[in-house]
Amino acid sequence: LDQGHDVLYYENIEGGHGGAANLK
């Protein structure tokens, strides 16, 4: 972003290494 590129980002505030803590 600082370099001027367009990127998207999503951080699950929980979830562990699988990225999601439950099925929802």
PDBML (XML) file of the C-alpha atoms, coordinates in Angstrom:
<?xml version="1.0" encoding="UTF-8" ?>
<PDBx:datablock datablockName="MODEL"
   xmlns:PDBx="http://pdbml.pdb.org/schema/pdbx-v50.xsd"
   xmlns:xsi="http://www.w3.org/2001/XMLSchema-instance"
   xsi:schemaLocation="http://pdbml.pdb.org/schema/pdbx-v50.xsd pdbx-v50.xsd">
   <PDBx:atom_siteCategory>
      <PDBx:atom_site id="1">
         <PDBx:B_iso_or_equiv>0.00</PDBx:B_iso_or_equiv>
         <PDBx:Cartn_x>0.000</PDBx:Cartn_x>
         <PDBx:Cartn_y>0.000</PDBx:Cartn_y>
         <PDBx:Cartn_z>0.000</PDBx:Cartn_z>
         <PDBx:auth_asym_id>A</PDBx:auth_asym_id>
         <PDBx:auth_atom_id>CA</PDBx:auth_atom_id>
         <PDBx:auth_comp_id>LEU</PDBx:auth_comp_id>
         <PDBx:auth_seq_id>1</PDBx:auth_seq_id>
         <PDBx:group_PDB>ATOM</PDBx:group_PDB>
         <PDBx:label_alt_id xsi:nil="true" />
         <PDBx:label_asym_id>A</PDBx:label_asym_id>
         <PDBx:label_atom_id>CA</PDBx:label_atom_id>
         <PDBx:label_comp_id>LEU</PDBx:label_comp_id>
         <PDBx:label_entity_id>1</PDBx:label_entity_id>
         <PDBx:label_seq_id>1</PDBx:label_seq_id>
         <PDBx:occupancy>1.00</PDBx:occupancy>
         <PDBx:pdbx_PDB_model_num>1</PDBx:pdbx_PDB_model_num>
         <PDBx:type_symbol>C</PDBx:type_symbol>
      </PDBx:atom_site>
      <PDBx:atom_site id="2">
         <PDBx:B_iso_or_equiv>0.00</PDBx:B_iso_or_equiv>
         <PDBx:Cartn_x>2.849</PDBx:Cartn_x>
         <PDBx:Cartn_y>2.375</PDBx:Cartn_y>
         <PDBx:Cartn_z>0.835</PDBx:Cartn_z>
         <PDBx:auth_asym_id>A</PDBx:auth_asym_id>
         <PDBx:auth_atom_id>CA</PDBx:auth_atom_id>
         <PDBx:auth_comp_id>ASP</PDBx:auth_comp_id>
         <PDBx:auth_seq_id>2</PDBx:auth_seq_id>
         <PDBx:group_PDB>ATOM</PDBx:group_PDB>
         <PDBx:label_alt_id xsi:nil="true" />
         <PDBx:label_asym_id>A</PDBx:label_asym_id>
         <PDBx:label_atom_id>CA</PDBx:label_atom_id>
         <PDBx:label_comp_id>ASP</PDBx:label_comp_id>
         <PDBx:label_entity_id>1</PDBx:label_entity_id>
         <PDBx:label_seq_id>2</PDBx:label_seq_id>
         <PDBx:occupancy>1.00</PDBx:occupancy>
         <PDBx:pdbx_PDB_model_num>1</PDBx:pdbx_PDB_model_num>
         <PDBx:type_symbol>C</PDBx:type_symbol>
      </PDBx:atom_site>
      <PDBx:atom_site id="3">
         <PDBx:B_iso_or_equiv>0.00</PDBx:B_iso_or_equiv>
         <PDBx:Cartn_x>4.316</PDBx:Cartn_x>
         <PDBx:Cartn_y>1.661</PDBx:Cartn_y>
         <PDBx:Cartn_z>-2.609</PDBx:Cartn_z>
         <PDBx:auth_asym_id>A</PDBx:auth_asym_id>
         <PDBx:auth_atom_id>CA</PDBx:auth_atom_id>
         <PDBx:auth_comp_id>GLN</PDBx:auth_comp_id>
         <PDBx:auth_seq_id>3</PDBx:auth_seq_id>
         <PDBx:group_PDB>ATOM</PDBx:group_PDB>
         <PDBx:label_alt_id xsi:nil="true" />
         <PDBx:label_asym_id>A</PDBx:label_asym_id>
         <PDBx:label_atom_id>CA</PDBx:label_atom_id>
         <PDBx:label_comp_id>GLN</PDBx:label_comp_id>
         <PDBx:label_entity_id>1</PDBx:label_entity_id>
         <PDBx:label_seq_id>3</PDBx:label_seq_id>
         <PDBx:occupancy>1.00</PDBx:occupancy>
         <PDBx:pdbx_PDB_model_num>1</PDBx:pdbx_PDB_model_num>
         <PDBx:type_symbol>C</PDBx:type_symbol>
      </PDBx:atom_site>
      <PDBx:atom_site id="4">
         <PDBx:B_iso_or_equiv>0.00</PDBx:B_iso_or_equiv>
         <PDBx:Cartn_x>1.004</PDBx:Cartn_x>
         <PDBx:Cartn_y>2.582</PDBx:Cartn_y>
         <PDBx:Cartn_z>-4.219</PDBx:Cartn_z>
         <PDBx:auth_asym_id>A</PDBx:auth_asym_id>
         <PDBx:auth_atom_id>CA</PDBx:auth_atom_id>
         <PDBx:auth_comp_id>GLY</PDBx:auth_comp_id>
         <PDBx:auth_seq_id>4</PDBx:auth_seq_id>
         <PDBx:group_PDB>ATOM</PDBx:group_PDB>
         <PDBx:label_alt_id xsi:nil="true" />
         <PDBx:label_asym_id>A</PDBx:label_asym_id>
         <PDBx:label_atom_id>CA</PDBx:label_atom_id>
         <PDBx:label_comp_id>GLY</PDBx:label_comp_id>
         <PDBx:label_entity_id>1</PDBx:label_entity_id>
         <PDBx:label_seq_id>4</PDBx:label_seq_id>
         <PDBx:occupancy>1.00</PDBx:occupancy>
         <PDBx:pdbx_PDB_model_num>1</PDBx:pdbx_PDB_model_num>
         <PDBx:type_symbol>C</PDBx:type_symbol>
      </PDBx:atom_site>
      <PDBx:atom_site id="5">
         <PDBx:B_iso_or_equiv>0.00</PDBx:B_iso_or_equiv>
         <PDBx:Cartn_x>-0.291</PDBx:Cartn_x>
         <PDBx:Cartn_y>-0.907</PDBx:Cartn_y>
         <PDBx:Cartn_z>-5.063</PDBx:Cartn_z>
         <PDBx:auth_asym_id>A</PDBx:auth_asym_id>
         <PDBx:auth_atom_id>CA</PDBx:auth_atom_id>
         <PDBx:auth_comp_id>HIS</PDBx:auth_comp_id>
         <PDBx:auth_seq_id>5</PDBx:auth_seq_id>
         <PDBx:group_PDB>ATOM</PDBx:group_PDB>
         <PDBx:label_alt_id xsi:nil="true" />
         <PDBx:label_asym_id>A</PDBx:label_asym_id>
         <PDBx:label_atom_id>CA</PDBx:label_atom_id>
         <PDBx:label_comp_id>HIS</PDBx:label_comp_id>
         <PDBx:label_entity_id>1</PDBx:label_entity_id>
         <PDBx:label_seq_id>5</PDBx:label_seq_id>
         <PDBx:occupancy>1.00</PDBx:occupancy>
         <PDBx:pdbx_PDB_model_num>1</PDBx:pdbx_PDB_model_num>
         <PDBx:type_symbol>C</PDBx:type_symbol>
      </PDBx:atom_site>
      <PDBx:atom_site id="6">
         <PDBx:B_iso_or_equiv>0.00</PDBx:B_iso_or_equiv>
         <PDBx:Cartn_x>-3.948</PDBx:Cartn_x>
         <PDBx:Cartn_y>-1.863</PDBx:Cartn_y>
         <PDBx:Cartn_z>-4.795</PDBx:Cartn_z>
         <PDBx:auth_asym_id>A</PDBx:auth_asym_id>
         <PDBx:auth_atom_id>CA</PDBx:auth_atom_id>
         <PDBx:auth_comp_id>ASP</PDBx:auth_comp_id>
         <PDBx:auth_seq_id>6</PDBx:auth_seq_id>
         <PDBx:group_PDB>ATOM</PDBx:group_PDB>
         <PDBx:label_alt_id xsi:nil="true" />
         <PDBx:label_asym_id>A</PDBx:label_asym_id>
         <PDBx:label_atom_id>CA</PDBx:label_atom_id>
         <PDBx:label_comp_id>ASP</PDBx:label_comp_id>
         <PDBx:label_entity_id>1</PDBx:label_entity_id>
         <PDBx:label_seq_id>6</PDBx:label_seq_id>
         <PDBx:occupancy>1.00</PDBx:occupancy>
         <PDBx:pdbx_PDB_model_num>1</PDBx:pdbx_PDB_model_num>
         <PDBx:type_symbol>C</PDBx:type_symbol>
      </PDBx:atom_site>
      <PDBx:atom_site id="7">
         <PDBx:B_iso_or_equiv>0.00</PDBx:B_iso_or_equiv>
         <PDBx:Cartn_x>-4.314</PDBx:Cartn_x>
         <PDBx:Cartn_y>-4.874</PDBx:Cartn_y>
         <PDBx:Cartn_z>-2.476</PDBx:Cartn_z>
         <PDBx:auth_asym_id>A</PDBx:auth_asym_id>
         <PDBx:auth_atom_id>CA</PDBx:auth_atom_id>
         <PDBx:auth_comp_id>VAL</PDBx:auth_comp_id>
         <PDBx:auth_seq_id>7</PDBx:auth_seq_id>
         <PDBx:group_PDB>ATOM</PDBx:group_PDB>
         <PDBx:label_alt_id xsi:nil="true" />
         <PDBx:label_asym_id>A</PDBx:label_asym_id>
         <PDBx:label_atom_id>CA</PDBx:label_atom_id>
         <PDBx:label_comp_id>VAL</PDBx:label_comp_id>
         <PDBx:label_entity_id>1</PDBx:label_entity_id>
         <PDBx:label_seq_id>7</PDBx:label_seq_id>
         <PDBx:occupancy>1.00</PDBx:occupancy>
         <PDBx:pdbx_PDB_model_num>1</PDBx:pdbx_PDB_model_num>
         <PDBx:type_symbol>C</PDBx:type_symbol>
      </PDBx:atom_site>
      <PDBx:atom_site id="8">
         <PDBx:B_iso_or_equiv>0.00</PDBx:B_iso_or_equiv>
         <PDBx:Cartn_x>-7.033</PDBx:Cartn_x>
         <PDBx:Cartn_y>-6.450</PDBx:Cartn_y>
         <PDBx:Cartn_z>-0.342</PDBx:Cartn_z>
         <PDBx:auth_asym_id>A</PDBx:auth_asym_id>
         <PDBx:auth_atom_id>CA</PDBx:auth_atom_id>
         <PDBx:auth_comp_id>LEU</PDBx:auth_comp_id>
         <PDBx:auth_seq_id>8</PDBx:auth_seq_id>
         <PDBx:group_PDB>ATOM</PDBx:group_PDB>
         <PDBx:label_alt_id xsi:nil="true" />
         <PDBx:label_asym_id>A</PDBx:label_asym_id>
         <PDBx:label_atom_id>CA</PDBx:label_atom_id>
         <PDBx:label_comp_id>LEU</PDBx:label_comp_id>
         <PDBx:label_entity_id>1</PDBx:label_entity_id>
         <PDBx:label_seq_id>8</PDBx:label_seq_id>
         <PDBx:occupancy>1.00</PDBx:occupancy>
         <PDBx:pdbx_PDB_model_num>1</PDBx:pdbx_PDB_model_num>
         <PDBx:type_symbol>C</PDBx:type_symbol>
      </PDBx:atom_site>
      <PDBx:atom_site id="9">
         <PDBx:B_iso_or_equiv>0.00</PDBx:B_iso_or_equiv>
         <PDBx:Cartn_x>-6.644</PDBx:Cartn_x>
         <PDBx:Cartn_y>-7.762</PDBx:Cartn_y>
         <PDBx:Cartn_z>3.192</PDBx:Cartn_z>
         <PDBx:auth_asym_id>A</PDBx:auth_asym_id>
         <PDBx:auth_atom_id>CA</PDBx:auth_atom_id>
         <PDBx:auth_comp_id>TYR</PDBx:auth_comp_id>
         <PDBx:auth_seq_id>9</PDBx:auth_seq_id>
         <PDBx:group_PDB>ATOM</PDBx:group_PDB>
         <PDBx:label_alt_id xsi:nil="true" />
         <PDBx:label_asym_id>A</PDBx:label_asym_id>
         <PDBx:label_atom_id>CA</PDBx:label_atom_id>
         <PDBx:label_comp_id>TYR</PDBx:label_comp_id>
         <PDBx:label_entity_id>1</PDBx:label_entity_id>
         <PDBx:label_seq_id>9</PDBx:label_seq_id>
         <PDBx:occupancy>1.00</PDBx:occupancy>
         <PDBx:pdbx_PDB_model_num>1</PDBx:pdbx_PDB_model_num>
         <PDBx:type_symbol>C</PDBx:type_symbol>
      </PDBx:atom_site>
      <PDBx:atom_site id="10">
         <PDBx:B_iso_or_equiv>0.00</PDBx:B_iso_or_equiv>
         <PDBx:Cartn_x>-8.733</PDBx:Cartn_x>
         <PDBx:Cartn_y>-9.709</PDBx:Cartn_y>
         <PDBx:Cartn_z>5.668</PDBx:Cartn_z>
         <PDBx:auth_asym_id>A</PDBx:auth_asym_id>
         <PDBx:auth_atom_id>CA</PDBx:auth_atom_id>
         <PDBx:auth_comp_id>TYR</PDBx:auth_comp_id>
         <PDBx:auth_seq_id>10</PDBx:auth_seq_id>
         <PDBx:group_PDB>ATOM</PDBx:group_PDB>
         <PDBx:label_alt_id xsi:nil="true" />
         <PDBx:label_asym_id>A</PDBx:label_asym_id>
         <PDBx:label_atom_id>CA</PDBx:label_atom_id>
         <PDBx:label_comp_id>TYR</PDBx:label_comp_id>
         <PDBx:label_entity_id>1</PDBx:label_entity_id>
         <PDBx:label_seq_id>10</PDBx:label_seq_id>
         <PDBx:occupancy>1.00</PDBx:occupancy>
         <PDBx:pdbx_PDB_model_num>1</PDBx:pdbx_PDB_model_num>
         <PDBx:type_symbol>C</PDBx:type_symbol>
      </PDBx:atom_site>
      <PDBx:atom_site id="11">
         <PDBx:B_iso_or_equiv>0.00</PDBx:B_iso_or_equiv>
         <PDBx:Cartn_x>-7.574</PDBx:Cartn_x>
         <PDBx:Cartn_y>-10.704</PDBx:Cartn_y>
         <PDBx:Cartn_z>9.148</PDBx:Cartn_z>
         <PDBx:auth_asym_id>A</PDBx:auth_asym_id>
         <PDBx:auth_atom_id>CA</PDBx:auth_atom_id>
         <PDBx:auth_comp_id>GLU</PDBx:auth_comp_id>
         <PDBx:auth_seq_id>11</PDBx:auth_seq_id>
         <PDBx:group_PDB>ATOM</PDBx:group_PDB>
         <PDBx:label_alt_id xsi:nil="true" />
         <PDBx:label_asym_id>A</PDBx:label_asym_id>
         <PDBx:label_atom_id>CA</PDBx:label_atom_id>
         <PDBx:label_comp_id>GLU</PDBx:label_comp_id>
         <PDBx:label_entity_id>1</PDBx:label_entity_id>
         <PDBx:label_seq_id>11</PDBx:label_seq_id>
         <PDBx:occupancy>1.00</PDBx:occupancy>
         <PDBx:pdbx_PDB_model_num>1</PDBx:pdbx_PDB_model_num>
         <PDBx:type_symbol>C</PDBx:type_symbol>
      </PDBx:atom_site>
      <PDBx:atom_site id="12">
         <PDBx:B_iso_or_equiv>0.00</PDBx:B_iso_or_equiv>
         <PDBx:Cartn_x>-9.798</PDBx:Cartn_x>
         <PDBx:Cartn_y>-12.992</PDBx:Cartn_y>
         <PDBx:Cartn_z>11.167</PDBx:Cartn_z>
         <PDBx:auth_asym_id>A</PDBx:auth_asym_id>
         <PDBx:auth_atom_id>CA</PDBx:auth_atom_id>
         <PDBx:auth_comp_id>ASN</PDBx:auth_comp_id>
         <PDBx:auth_seq_id>12</PDBx:auth_seq_id>
         <PDBx:group_PDB>ATOM</PDBx:group_PDB>
         <PDBx:label_alt_id xsi:nil="true" />
         <PDBx:label_asym_id>A</PDBx:label_asym_id>
         <PDBx:label_atom_id>CA</PDBx:label_atom_id>
         <PDBx:label_comp_id>ASN</PDBx:label_comp_id>
         <PDBx:label_entity_id>1</PDBx:label_entity_id>
         <PDBx:label_seq_id>12</PDBx:label_seq_id>
         <PDBx:occupancy>1.00</PDBx:occupancy>
         <PDBx:pdbx_PDB_model_num>1</PDBx:pdbx_PDB_model_num>
         <PDBx:type_symbol>C</PDBx:type_symbol>
      </PDBx:atom_site>
      <PDBx:atom_site id="13">
         <PDBx:B_iso_or_equiv>0.00</PDBx:B_iso_or_equiv>
         <PDBx:Cartn_x>-9.406</PDBx:Cartn_x>
         <PDBx:Cartn_y>-11.861</PDBx:Cartn_y>
         <PDBx:Cartn_z>14.771</PDBx:Cartn_z>
         <PDBx:auth_asym_id>A</PDBx:auth_asym_id>
         <PDBx:auth_atom_id>CA</PDBx:auth_atom_id>
         <PDBx:auth_comp_id>ILE</PDBx:auth_comp_id>
         <PDBx:auth_seq_id>13</PDBx:auth_seq_id>
         <PDBx:group_PDB>ATOM</PDBx:group_PDB>
         <PDBx:label_alt_id xsi:nil="true" />
         <PDBx:label_asym_id>A</PDBx:label_asym_id>
         <PDBx:label_atom_id>CA</PDBx:label_atom_id>
         <PDBx:label_comp_id>ILE</PDBx:label_comp_id>
         <PDBx:label_entity_id>1</PDBx:label_entity_id>
         <PDBx:label_seq_id>13</PDBx:label_seq_id>
         <PDBx:occupancy>1.00</PDBx:occupancy>
         <PDBx:pdbx_PDB_model_num>1</PDBx:pdbx_PDB_model_num>
         <PDBx:type_symbol>C</PDBx:type_symbol>
      </PDBx:atom_site>
      <PDBx:atom_site id="14">
         <PDBx:B_iso_or_equiv>0.00</PDBx:B_iso_or_equiv>
         <PDBx:Cartn_x>-9.512</PDBx:Cartn_x>
         <PDBx:Cartn_y>-15.550</PDBx:Cartn_y>
         <PDBx:Cartn_z>15.734</PDBx:Cartn_z>
         <PDBx:auth_asym_id>A</PDBx:auth_asym_id>
         <PDBx:auth_atom_id>CA</PDBx:auth_atom_id>
         <PDBx:auth_comp_id>GLU</PDBx:auth_comp_id>
         <PDBx:auth_seq_id>14</PDBx:auth_seq_id>
         <PDBx:group_PDB>ATOM</PDBx:group_PDB>
         <PDBx:label_alt_id xsi:nil="true" />
         <PDBx:label_asym_id>A</PDBx:label_asym_id>
         <PDBx:label_atom_id>CA</PDBx:label_atom_id>
         <PDBx:label_comp_id>GLU</PDBx:label_comp_id>
         <PDBx:label_entity_id>1</PDBx:label_entity_id>
         <PDBx:label_seq_id>14</PDBx:label_seq_id>
         <PDBx:occupancy>1.00</PDBx:occupancy>
         <PDBx:pdbx_PDB_model_num>1</PDBx:pdbx_PDB_model_num>
         <PDBx:type_symbol>C</PDBx:type_symbol>
      </PDBx:atom_site>
      <PDBx:atom_site id="15">
         <PDBx:B_iso_or_equiv>0.00</PDBx:B_iso_or_equiv>
         <PDBx:Cartn_x>-9.043</PDBx:Cartn_x>
         <PDBx:Cartn_y>-18.722</PDBx:Cartn_y>
         <PDBx:Cartn_z>13.740</PDBx:Cartn_z>
         <PDBx:auth_asym_id>A</PDBx:auth_asym_id>
         <PDBx:auth_atom_id>CA</PDBx:auth_atom_id>
         <PDBx:auth_comp_id>GLY</PDBx:auth_comp_id>
         <PDBx:auth_seq_id>15</PDBx:auth_seq_id>
         <PDBx:group_PDB>ATOM</PDBx:group_PDB>
         <PDBx:label_alt_id xsi:nil="true" />
         <PDBx:label_asym_id>A</PDBx:label_asym_id>
         <PDBx:label_atom_id>CA</PDBx:label_atom_id>
         <PDBx:label_comp_id>GLY</PDBx:label_comp_id>
         <PDBx:label_entity_id>1</PDBx:label_entity_id>
         <PDBx:label_seq_id>15</PDBx:label_seq_id>
         <PDBx:occupancy>1.00</PDBx:occupancy>
         <PDBx:pdbx_PDB_model_num>1</PDBx:pdbx_PDB_model_num>
         <PDBx:type_symbol>C</PDBx:type_symbol>
      </PDBx:atom_site>
      <PDBx:atom_site id="16">
         <PDBx:B_iso_or_equiv>0.00</PDBx:B_iso_or_equiv>
         <PDBx:Cartn_x>-5.547</PDBx:Cartn_x>
         <PDBx:Cartn_y>-20.161</PDBx:Cartn_y>
         <PDBx:Cartn_z>14.270</PDBx:Cartn_z>
         <PDBx:auth_asym_id>A</PDBx:auth_asym_id>
         <PDBx:auth_atom_id>CA</PDBx:auth_atom_id>
         <PDBx:auth_comp_id>GLY</PDBx:auth_comp_id>
         <PDBx:auth_seq_id>16</PDBx:auth_seq_id>
         <PDBx:group_PDB>ATOM</PDBx:group_PDB>
         <PDBx:label_alt_id xsi:nil="true" />
         <PDBx:label_asym_id>A</PDBx:label_asym_id>
         <PDBx:label_atom_id>CA</PDBx:label_atom_id>
         <PDBx:label_comp_id>GLY</PDBx:label_comp_id>
         <PDBx:label_entity_id>1</PDBx:label_entity_id>
         <PDBx:label_seq_id>16</PDBx:label_seq_id>
         <PDBx:occupancy>1.00</PDBx:occupancy>
         <PDBx:pdbx_PDB_model_num>1</PDBx:pdbx_PDB_model_num>
         <PDBx:type_symbol>C</PDBx:type_symbol>
      </PDBx:atom_site>
      <PDBx:atom_site id="17">
         <PDBx:B_iso_or_equiv>0.00</PDBx:B_iso_or_equiv>
         <PDBx:Cartn_x>-3.352</PDBx:Cartn_x>
         <PDBx:Cartn_y>-21.370</PDBx:Cartn_y>
         <PDBx:Cartn_z>11.421</PDBx:Cartn_z>
         <PDBx:auth_asym_id>A</PDBx:auth_asym_id>
         <PDBx:auth_atom_id>CA</PDBx:auth_atom_id>
         <PDBx:auth_comp_id>HIS</PDBx:auth_comp_id>
         <PDBx:auth_seq_id>17</PDBx:auth_seq_id>
         <PDBx:group_PDB>ATOM</PDBx:group_PDB>
         <PDBx:label_alt_id xsi:nil="true" />
         <PDBx:label_asym_id>A</PDBx:label_asym_id>
         <PDBx:label_atom_id>CA</PDBx:label_atom_id>
         <PDBx:label_comp_id>HIS</PDBx:label_comp_id>
         <PDBx:label_entity_id>1</PDBx:label_entity_id>
         <PDBx:label_seq_id>17</PDBx:label_seq_id>
         <PDBx:occupancy>1.00</PDBx:occupancy>
         <PDBx:pdbx_PDB_model_num>1</PDBx:pdbx_PDB_model_num>
         <PDBx:type_symbol>C</PDBx:type_symbol>
      </PDBx:atom_site>
      <PDBx:atom_site id="18">
         <PDBx:B_iso_or_equiv>0.00</PDBx:B_iso_or_equiv>
         <PDBx:Cartn_x>-6.355</PDBx:Cartn_x>
         <PDBx:Cartn_y>-22.667</PDBx:Cartn_y>
         <PDBx:Cartn_z>9.488</PDBx:Cartn_z>
         <PDBx:auth_asym_id>A</PDBx:auth_asym_id>
         <PDBx:auth_atom_id>CA</PDBx:auth_atom_id>
         <PDBx:auth_comp_id>GLY</PDBx:auth_comp_id>
         <PDBx:auth_seq_id>18</PDBx:auth_seq_id>
         <PDBx:group_PDB>ATOM</PDBx:group_PDB>
         <PDBx:label_alt_id xsi:nil="true" />
         <PDBx:label_asym_id>A</PDBx:label_asym_id>
         <PDBx:label_atom_id>CA</PDBx:label_atom_id>
         <PDBx:label_comp_id>GLY</PDBx:label_comp_id>
         <PDBx:label_entity_id>1</PDBx:label_entity_id>
         <PDBx:label_seq_id>18</PDBx:label_seq_id>
         <PDBx:occupancy>1.00</PDBx:occupancy>
         <PDBx:pdbx_PDB_model_num>1</PDBx:pdbx_PDB_model_num>
         <PDBx:type_symbol>C</PDBx:type_symbol>
      </PDBx:atom_site>
      <PDBx:atom_site id="19">
         <PDBx:B_iso_or_equiv>0.00</PDBx:B_iso_or_equiv>
         <PDBx:Cartn_x>-7.565</PDBx:Cartn_x>
         <PDBx:Cartn_y>-19.075</PDBx:Cartn_y>
         <PDBx:Cartn_z>9.204</PDBx:Cartn_z>
         <PDBx:auth_asym_id>A</PDBx:auth_asym_id>
         <PDBx:auth_atom_id>CA</PDBx:auth_atom_id>
         <PDBx:auth_comp_id>GLY</PDBx:auth_comp_id>
         <PDBx:auth_seq_id>19</PDBx:auth_seq_id>
         <PDBx:group_PDB>ATOM</PDBx:group_PDB>
         <PDBx:label_alt_id xsi:nil="true" />
         <PDBx:label_asym_id>A</PDBx:label_asym_id>
         <PDBx:label_atom_id>CA</PDBx:label_atom_id>
         <PDBx:label_comp_id>GLY</PDBx:label_comp_id>
         <PDBx:label_entity_id>1</PDBx:label_entity_id>
         <PDBx:label_seq_id>19</PDBx:label_seq_id>
         <PDBx:occupancy>1.00</PDBx:occupancy>
         <PDBx:pdbx_PDB_model_num>1</PDBx:pdbx_PDB_model_num>
         <PDBx:type_symbol>C</PDBx:type_symbol>
      </PDBx:atom_site>
      <PDBx:atom_site id="20">
         <PDBx:B_iso_or_equiv>0.00</PDBx:B_iso_or_equiv>
         <PDBx:Cartn_x>-11.054</PDBx:Cartn_x>
         <PDBx:Cartn_y>-19.895</PDBx:Cartn_y>
         <PDBx:Cartn_z>10.543</PDBx:Cartn_z>
         <PDBx:auth_asym_id>A</PDBx:auth_asym_id>
         <PDBx:auth_atom_id>CA</PDBx:auth_atom_id>
         <PDBx:auth_comp_id>ALA</PDBx:auth_comp_id>
         <PDBx:auth_seq_id>20</PDBx:auth_seq_id>
         <PDBx:group_PDB>ATOM</PDBx:group_PDB>
         <PDBx:label_alt_id xsi:nil="true" />
         <PDBx:label_asym_id>A</PDBx:label_asym_id>
         <PDBx:label_atom_id>CA</PDBx:label_atom_id>
         <PDBx:label_comp_id>ALA</PDBx:label_comp_id>
         <PDBx:label_entity_id>1</PDBx:label_entity_id>
         <PDBx:label_seq_id>20</PDBx:label_seq_id>
         <PDBx:occupancy>1.00</PDBx:occupancy>
         <PDBx:pdbx_PDB_model_num>1</PDBx:pdbx_PDB_model_num>
         <PDBx:type_symbol>C</PDBx:type_symbol>
      </PDBx:atom_site>
      <PDBx:atom_site id="21">
         <PDBx:B_iso_or_equiv>0.00</PDBx:B_iso_or_equiv>
         <PDBx:Cartn_x>-12.034</PDBx:Cartn_x>
         <PDBx:Cartn_y>-21.128</PDBx:Cartn_y>
         <PDBx:Cartn_z>14.007</PDBx:Cartn_z>
         <PDBx:auth_asym_id>A</PDBx:auth_asym_id>
         <PDBx:auth_atom_id>CA</PDBx:auth_atom_id>
         <PDBx:auth_comp_id>ALA</PDBx:auth_comp_id>
         <PDBx:auth_seq_id>21</PDBx:auth_seq_id>
         <PDBx:group_PDB>ATOM</PDBx:group_PDB>
         <PDBx:label_alt_id xsi:nil="true" />
         <PDBx:label_asym_id>A</PDBx:label_asym_id>
         <PDBx:label_atom_id>CA</PDBx:label_atom_id>
         <PDBx:label_comp_id>ALA</PDBx:label_comp_id>
         <PDBx:label_entity_id>1</PDBx:label_entity_id>
         <PDBx:label_seq_id>21</PDBx:label_seq_id>
         <PDBx:occupancy>1.00</PDBx:occupancy>
         <PDBx:pdbx_PDB_model_num>1</PDBx:pdbx_PDB_model_num>
         <PDBx:type_symbol>C</PDBx:type_symbol>
      </PDBx:atom_site>
      <PDBx:atom_site id="22">
         <PDBx:B_iso_or_equiv>0.00</PDBx:B_iso_or_equiv>
         <PDBx:Cartn_x>-15.410</PDBx:Cartn_x>
         <PDBx:Cartn_y>-22.608</PDBx:Cartn_y>
         <PDBx:Cartn_z>13.065</PDBx:Cartn_z>
         <PDBx:auth_asym_id>A</PDBx:auth_asym_id>
         <PDBx:auth_atom_id>CA</PDBx:auth_atom_id>
         <PDBx:auth_comp_id>ASN</PDBx:auth_comp_id>
         <PDBx:auth_seq_id>22</PDBx:auth_seq_id>
         <PDBx:group_PDB>ATOM</PDBx:group_PDB>
         <PDBx:label_alt_id xsi:nil="true" />
         <PDBx:label_asym_id>A</PDBx:label_asym_id>
         <PDBx:label_atom_id>CA</PDBx:label_atom_id>
         <PDBx:label_comp_id>ASN</PDBx:label_comp_id>
         <PDBx:label_entity_id>1</PDBx:label_entity_id>
         <PDBx:label_seq_id>22</PDBx:label_seq_id>
         <PDBx:occupancy>1.00</PDBx:occupancy>
         <PDBx:pdbx_PDB_model_num>1</PDBx:pdbx_PDB_model_num>
         <PDBx:type_symbol>C</PDBx:type_symbol>
      </PDBx:atom_site>
      <PDBx:atom_site id="23">
         <PDBx:B_iso_or_equiv>0.00</PDBx:B_iso_or_equiv>
         <PDBx:Cartn_x>-17.590</PDBx:Cartn_x>
         <PDBx:Cartn_y>-23.538</PDBx:Cartn_y>
         <PDBx:Cartn_z>10.099</PDBx:Cartn_z>
         <PDBx:auth_asym_id>A</PDBx:auth_asym_id>
         <PDBx:auth_atom_id>CA</PDBx:auth_atom_id>
         <PDBx:auth_comp_id>LEU</PDBx:auth_comp_id>
         <PDBx:auth_seq_id>23</PDBx:auth_seq_id>
         <PDBx:group_PDB>ATOM</PDBx:group_PDB>
         <PDBx:label_alt_id xsi:nil="true" />
         <PDBx:label_asym_id>A</PDBx:label_asym_id>
         <PDBx:label_atom_id>CA</PDBx:label_atom_id>
         <PDBx:label_comp_id>LEU</PDBx:label_comp_id>
         <PDBx:label_entity_id>1</PDBx:label_entity_id>
         <PDBx:label_seq_id>23</PDBx:label_seq_id>
         <PDBx:occupancy>1.00</PDBx:occupancy>
         <PDBx:pdbx_PDB_model_num>1</PDBx:pdbx_PDB_model_num>
         <PDBx:type_symbol>C</PDBx:type_symbol>
      </PDBx:atom_site>
      <PDBx:atom_site id="24">
         <PDBx:B_iso_or_equiv>0.00</PDBx:B_iso_or_equiv>
         <PDBx:Cartn_x>-19.359</PDBx:Cartn_x>
         <PDBx:Cartn_y>-20.164</PDBx:Cartn_y>
         <PDBx:Cartn_z>9.969</PDBx:Cartn_z>
         <PDBx:auth_asym_id>A</PDBx:auth_asym_id>
         <PDBx:auth_atom_id>CA</PDBx:auth_atom_id>
         <PDBx:auth_comp_id>LYS</PDBx:auth_comp_id>
         <PDBx:auth_seq_id>24</PDBx:auth_seq_id>
         <PDBx:group_PDB>ATOM</PDBx:group_PDB>
         <PDBx:label_alt_id xsi:nil="true" />
         <PDBx:label_asym_id>A</PDBx:label_asym_id>
         <PDBx:label_atom_id>CA</PDBx:label_atom_id>
         <PDBx:label_comp_id>LYS</PDBx:label_comp_id>
         <PDBx:label_entity_id>1</PDBx:label_entity_id>
         <PDBx:label_seq_id>24</PDBx:label_seq_id>
         <PDBx:occupancy>1.00</PDBx:occupancy>
         <PDBx:pdbx_PDB_model_num>1</PDBx:pdbx_PDB_model_num>
         <PDBx:type_symbol>C</PDBx:type_symbol>
      </PDBx:atom_site>
   </PDBx:atom_siteCategory>
</PDBx:datablock>
